[in-house]
C-alpha atoms as a PDB file:
ATOM      1  CA  MET A   1       0.000   0.000   0.000  1.00  0.00           C
ATOM      2  CA  THR A   2       1.261   3.489  -0.815  1.00  0.00           C
ATOM      3  CA  ASP A   3       0.126   6.872   0.446  1.00  0.00           C
ATOM      4  CA  HIS A   4      -1.900   7.251  -2.757  1.00  0.00           C
ATOM      5  CA  ASP A   5      -3.931   4.135  -1.854  1.00  0.00           C
ATOM      6  CA  LEU A   6      -4.959   5.489   1.543  1.00  0.00           C
ATOM      7  CA  PRO A   7      -8.364   7.001   2.202  1.00  0.00           C
ATOM      8  CA  PRO A   8      -8.267  10.808   2.334  1.00  0.00           C
ATOM      9  CA  LEU A   9      -7.832  12.515   5.683  1.00  0.00           C
ATOM     10  CA  ASN A  10     -10.309  15.113   6.884  1.00  0.00           C
ATOM     11  CA  PRO A  11      -7.749  17.315   8.644  1.00  0.00           C
ATOM     12  CA  THR A  12      -8.384  19.383  11.729  1.00  0.00           C
ATOM     13  CA  PRO A  13      -7.041  22.890  10.977  1.00  0.00           C
ATOM     14  CA  PRO A  14      -3.954  23.679  13.059  1.00  0.00           C
ATOM     15  CA  GLY A  15      -4.431  26.467  15.564  1.00  0.00           C
ATOM     16  CA  LEU A  16      -5.558  27.510  19.015  1.00  0.00           C
ATOM     17  CA  TYR A  17      -8.551  25.672  20.509  1.00  0.00           C
ATOM     18  CA  ARG A  18     -10.467  25.756  23.770  1.00  0.00           C
ATOM     19  CA  HIS A  19     -12.078  22.633  25.204  1.00  0.00           C
ATOM     20  CA  TYR A  20     -15.622  22.921  26.524  1.00  0.00           C
ATOM     21  CA  LYS A  21     -14.224  22.434  30.061  1.00  0.00           C
ATOM     22  CA  GLY A  22     -12.041  25.531  29.594  1.00  0.00           C
ATOM     23  CA  GLY A  23      -8.556  24.193  28.862  1.00  0.00           C
ATOM     24  CA  TRP A  24      -6.514  25.623  25.997  1.00  0.00           C
ATOM     25  CA  TYR A  25      -4.941  23.388  23.336  1.00  0.00           C
ATOM     26  CA  GLU A  26      -2.944  23.761  20.169  1.00  0.00           C
ATOM     27  CA  VAL A  27      -3.675  21.531  17.185  1.00  0.00           C
ATOM     28  CA  LEU A  28      -0.355  20.640  15.575  1.00  0.00           C
ATOM     29  CA  ASP A  29      -1.364  18.334  12.731  1.00  0.00           C
ATOM     30  CA  THR A  30      -3.638  15.561  11.546  1.00  0.00           C
ATOM     31  CA  VAL A  31      -1.981  12.145  11.429  1.00  0.00           C
ATOM     32  CA  ARG A  32      -3.077   8.627  10.571  1.00  0.00           C
ATOM     33  CA  CYS A  33      -3.236   5.621  12.882  1.00  0.00           C
ATOM     34  CA  SER A  34      -0.940   2.930  11.487  1.00  0.00           C
ATOM     35  CA  GLU A  35      -3.333   0.161  12.548  1.00  0.00           C
ATOM     36  CA  THR A  36      -6.761   1.505  11.605  1.00  0.00           C
ATOM     37  CA  LEU A  37      -5.768   4.223   9.070  1.00  0.00           C
ATOM     38  CA  GLN A  38      -8.168   6.493  10.977  1.00  0.00           C
ATOM     39  CA  GLY A  39      -7.396  10.224  10.959  1.00  0.00           C
ATOM     40  CA  MET A  40      -6.187  11.459  14.339  1.00  0.00           C
ATOM     41  CA  THR A  41      -5.849  15.047  15.526  1.00  0.00           C
ATOM     42  CA  LEU A  42      -2.423  15.639  17.102  1.00  0.00           C
ATOM     43  CA  TYR A  43      -2.608  18.380  19.713  1.00  0.00           C
ATOM     44  CA  ARG A  44      -0.838  19.618  22.826  1.00  0.00           C
ATOM     45  CA  ALA A  45      -2.116  21.006  26.078  1.00  0.00           C
ATOM     46  CA  LEU A  46      -1.177  24.631  26.721  1.00  0.00           C
ATOM     47  CA  TYR A  47      -1.101  24.158  30.492  1.00  0.00           C
ATOM     48  CA  GLY A  48       0.239  21.768  33.125  1.00  0.00           C
ATOM     49  CA  GLY A  49       2.658  19.230  31.665  1.00  0.00           C
ATOM     50  CA  TRP A  50       2.118  20.495  28.096  1.00  0.00           C
ATOM     51  CA  GLY A  51       1.581  16.909  26.937  1.00  0.00           C
ATOM     52  CA  GLN A  52       0.901  15.881  23.366  1.00  0.00           C
ATOM     53  CA  TRP A  53      -2.235  13.892  22.621  1.00  0.00           C
ATOM     54  CA  VAL A  54      -4.132  12.310  19.747  1.00  0.00           C
ATOM     55  CA  ARG A  55      -7.874  11.974  19.388  1.00  0.00           C
ATOM     56  CA  PRO A  56      -9.900  10.752  16.398  1.00  0.00           C
ATOM     57  CA  VAL A  57     -10.627  13.668  14.056  1.00  0.00           C
ATOM     58  CA  ALA A  58     -14.370  13.010  14.206  1.00  0.00           C
ATOM     59  CA  MET A  59     -14.340  13.068  18.019  1.00  0.00           C
ATOM     60  CA  PHE A  60     -12.153  16.189  18.192  1.00  0.00           C
ATOM     61  CA  GLY A  61     -14.543  18.108  15.952  1.00  0.00           C
ATOM     62  CA  GLU A  62     -17.818  16.756  17.288  1.00  0.00           C
ATOM     63  CA  THR A  63     -20.684  18.639  18.826  1.00  0.00           C
ATOM     64  CA  GLY A  64     -22.528  16.768  21.530  1.00  0.00           C
ATOM     65  CA  GLU A  65     -24.257  16.874  24.862  1.00  0.00           C
ATOM     66  CA  PHE A  66     -21.560  17.997  27.297  1.00  0.00           C
ATOM     67  CA  GLU A  67     -22.285  19.264  30.794  1.00  0.00           C
ATOM     68  CA  GLY A  68     -26.005  19.372  30.080  1.00  0.00           C
ATOM     69  CA  ARG A  69     -25.824  21.478  26.895  1.00  0.00           C
ATOM     70  CA  THR A  70     -25.266  20.910  23.228  1.00  0.00           C
ATOM     71  CA  GLN A  71     -21.859  22.343  22.388  1.00  0.00           C
ATOM     72  CA  ALA A  72     -18.663  21.686  20.483  1.00  0.00           C
ATOM     73  CA  ARG A  73     -16.013  19.600  22.239  1.00  0.00           C
ATOM     74  CA  PHE A  74     -13.303  22.012  21.000  1.00  0.00           C
ATOM     75  CA  VAL A  75     -13.751  25.508  19.561  1.00  0.00           C
ATOM     76  CA  ARG A  76     -11.083  27.108  17.384  1.00  0.00           C
ATOM     77  CA  HIS A  77     -10.060  30.661  18.341  1.00  0.00           C
ATOM     78  CA  ASP A  78      -8.301  33.363  16.373  1.00  0.00           C
ATOM     79  CA  PRO A  79      -5.221  34.308  18.445  1.00  0.00           C
ATOM     80  CA  ALA A  80      -5.674  37.939  17.412  1.00  0.00           C
ATOM     81  CA  LEU A  81      -9.138  38.068  18.977  1.00  0.00           C
ATOM     82  CA  VAL A  82      -8.782  36.016  22.165  1.00  0.00           C
ATOM     83  CA  PRO A  83      -9.770  38.258  25.097  1.00  0.00           C
ATOM     84  CA  LEU A  84      -6.863  38.735  27.480  1.00  0.00           C
ATOM     85  CA  ALA A  85      -8.504  38.699  30.886  1.00  0.00           C
ATOM     86  CA  ASP A  86      -7.110  35.693  32.765  1.00  0.00           C
ATOM     87  CA  LEU A  87      -3.687  34.181  33.317  1.00  0.00           C
ATOM     88  CA  ALA A  88      -4.451  30.738  31.834  1.00  0.00           C
ATOM     89  CA  THR A  89      -5.534  32.333  28.551  1.00  0.00           C
ATOM     90  CA  ALA A  90      -2.516  34.654  28.524  1.00  0.00           C
ATOM     91  CA  GLN A  91      -0.115  31.751  29.099  1.00  0.00           C
ATOM     92  CA  ALA A  92      -1.828  29.644  26.418  1.00  0.00           C
ATOM     93  CA  LEU A  93      -1.646  32.470  23.882  1.00  0.00           C
ATOM     94  CA  ILE A  94       2.059  33.053  24.563  1.00  0.00           C
ATOM     95  CA  ALA A  95       2.797  29.309  24.261  1.00  0.00           C
ATOM     96  CA  HIS A  96       0.785  29.039  21.042  1.00  0.00           C
ATOM     97  CA  LEU A  97       2.560  31.964  19.362  1.00  0.00           C
ATOM     98  CA  ARG A  98       5.995  30.777  20.510  1.00  0.00           C
ATOM     99  CA  GLY A  99       5.213  27.264  19.229  1.00  0.00           C
ATOM    100  CA  LEU A 100       4.012  28.585  15.894  1.00  0.00           C
ATOM    101  CA  ALA A 101       7.194  30.611  15.513  1.00  0.00           C
ATOM    102  CA  GLN A 102       9.367  27.654  16.508  1.00  0.00           C
ATOM    103  CA  ARG A 103       7.721  25.429  13.880  1.00  0.00           C
ATOM    104  CA  HIS A 104       8.712  28.068  11.329  1.00  0.00           C
ATOM    105  CA  GLY A 105      12.320  28.056  12.537  1.00  0.00           C
ATOM    106  CA  MET A 106      12.061  31.277  14.520  1.00  0.00           C
ATOM    107  CA  ASN A 107      12.747  32.136  18.145  1.00  0.00           C
ATOM    108  CA  LEU A 108       9.992  34.669  18.760  1.00  0.00           C
ATOM    109  CA  ASP A 109      11.635  36.132  21.866  1.00  0.00           C
ATOM    110  CA  ALA A 110      14.869  36.784  19.935  1.00  0.00           C
ATOM    111  CA  ALA A 111      13.193  37.936  16.707  1.00  0.00           C
ATOM    112  CA  LEU A 112      10.775  40.283  18.490  1.00  0.00           C
ATOM    113  CA  ARG A 113      11.093  40.491  22.275  1.00  0.00           C
ATOM    114  CA  ALA A 114       9.951  38.401  25.199  1.00  0.00           C
ATOM    115  CA  PRO A 115       6.328  38.812  26.239  1.00  0.00           C
ATOM    116  CA  PRO A 116       5.716  40.966  29.308  1.00  0.00           C
ATOM    117  CA  PRO A 117       6.440  39.255  32.628  1.00  0.00           C
ATOM    118  CA  GLU A 118       3.532  38.210  34.807  1.00  0.00           C
ATOM    119  CA  PRO A 119       2.975  40.644  37.691  1.00  0.00           C
ATOM    120  CA  ALA A 120       4.253  39.628  41.086  1.00  0.00           C
ATOM    121  CA  THR A 121       3.031  42.606  43.126  1.00  0.00           C
ATOM    122  CA  CYS A 122      -0.789  42.468  42.963  1.00  0.00           C
ATOM    123  CA  CYS A 123      -2.499  42.950  46.303  1.00  0.00           C
ATOM    124  CA  GLY A 124      -5.674  41.196  45.116  1.00  0.00           C
ATOM    125  CA  ARG A 125      -8.052  44.011  46.106  1.00  0.00           C
ATOM    126  CA  GLY A 126      -9.226  44.812  42.553  1.00  0.00           C
ATOM    127  CA  CYS A 127      -7.611  48.227  42.426  1.00  0.00           C
ATOM    128  CA  ASN A 128      -8.331  50.598  39.567  1.00  0.00           C
ATOM    129  CA  GLY A 129      -5.159  50.505  37.469  1.00  0.00           C
ATOM    130  CA  CYS A 130      -4.141  47.086  38.814  1.00  0.00           C
ATOM    131  CA  VAL A 131      -0.813  45.675  37.652  1.00  0.00           C
ATOM    132  CA  TRP A 132      -2.801  42.955  35.846  1.00  0.00           C
ATOM    133  CA  GLU A 133      -4.497  45.578  33.665  1.00  0.00           C
ATOM    134  CA  GLY A 134      -1.058  46.809  32.605  1.00  0.00           C
ATOM    135  CA  PHE A 135       0.092  43.238  31.970  1.00  0.00           C
ATOM    136  CA  TYR A 136      -2.869  42.438  29.714  1.00  0.00           C
ATOM    137  CA  GLU A 137      -2.439  45.743  27.835  1.00  0.00           C
ATOM    138  CA  ALA A 138       1.279  45.058  27.293  1.00  0.00           C
ATOM    139  CA  LEU A 139       0.470  41.486  26.239  1.00  0.00           C
ATOM    140  CA  HIS A 140      -2.064  42.807  23.736  1.00  0.00           C
ATOM    141  CA  HIS A 141       0.691  44.897  22.095  1.00  0.00           C
ATOM    142  CA  TRP A 142       3.147  41.977  22.165  1.00  0.00           C
ATOM    143  CA  ARG A 143       0.528  39.728  20.550  1.00  0.00           C
ATOM    144  CA  THR A 144      -0.142  42.283  17.804  1.00  0.00           C
ATOM    145  CA  ASP A 145       3.569  42.632  17.043  1.00  0.00           C
ATOM    146  CA  ALA A 146       4.117  38.853  17.173  1.00  0.00           C
ATOM    147  CA  LEU A 147       1.260  38.175  14.747  1.00  0.00           C
ATOM    148  CA  VAL A 148       2.583  40.791  12.300  1.00  0.00           C
ATOM    149  CA  LEU A 149       6.061  39.256  12.494  1.00  0.00           C
ATOM    150  CA  LEU A 150       4.719  35.723  12.041  1.00  0.00           C
ATOM    151  CA  ARG A 151       2.645  36.739   9.011  1.00  0.00           C
ATOM    152  CA  THR A 152       5.661  38.505   7.488  1.00  0.00           C
ATOM    153  CA  GLU A 153       8.149  35.689   8.194  1.00  0.00           C
ATOM    154  CA  THR A 154       5.878  32.813   7.160  1.00  0.00           C
ATOM    155  CA  ALA A 155       4.440  34.404   4.006  1.00  0.00           C
ATOM    156  CA  ALA A 156       5.603  32.799   0.774  1.00  0.00           C
ATOM    157  CA  PRO A 157       8.038  34.976  -1.191  1.00  0.00           C
ATOM    158  CA  ALA A 158       6.600  36.714  -4.240  1.00  0.00           C
ATOM    159  CA  GLY A 159       6.679  34.474  -7.298  1.00  0.00           C
ATOM    160  CA  SER A 160       6.995  31.239  -5.322  1.00  0.00           C
ATOM    161  CA  PRO A 161       4.357  28.513  -5.529  1.00  0.00           C
ATOM    162  CA  ALA A 162       1.755  28.661  -2.774  1.00  0.00           C
END
């Protein structure tokens, strides 16, 4: 059997996804099981141990009854539009953009600058002008610059095949 004899894959688009339970994940690729030839979504967690996982493509993309409501198991998010309002989301976004850059042979921190450091001085009283507000604002600017750089660096040169 050759690759041309295999059934077509229905790939899961690479990108940033959120699970219905709230965790952030990055789809890396769609691969094939060597035993069943079934398409499998290869993805990594953007929290905890940052493990890599596979799940059948159909299951990854399914909508079902989860936690008492009909909803998608995973929802794809545009990194440019993800609201920056909590630390888990901020960390996932940074990891996703760094990973995307790395897969294109780029060290994002060296090519651009490191993302802003997480605040260590918050008193937790919800102050107006909290250090977290400044962090999320700075991260918004870093994200914008990173996305521009990634689009520029990963775009095909003029005249090359797409």
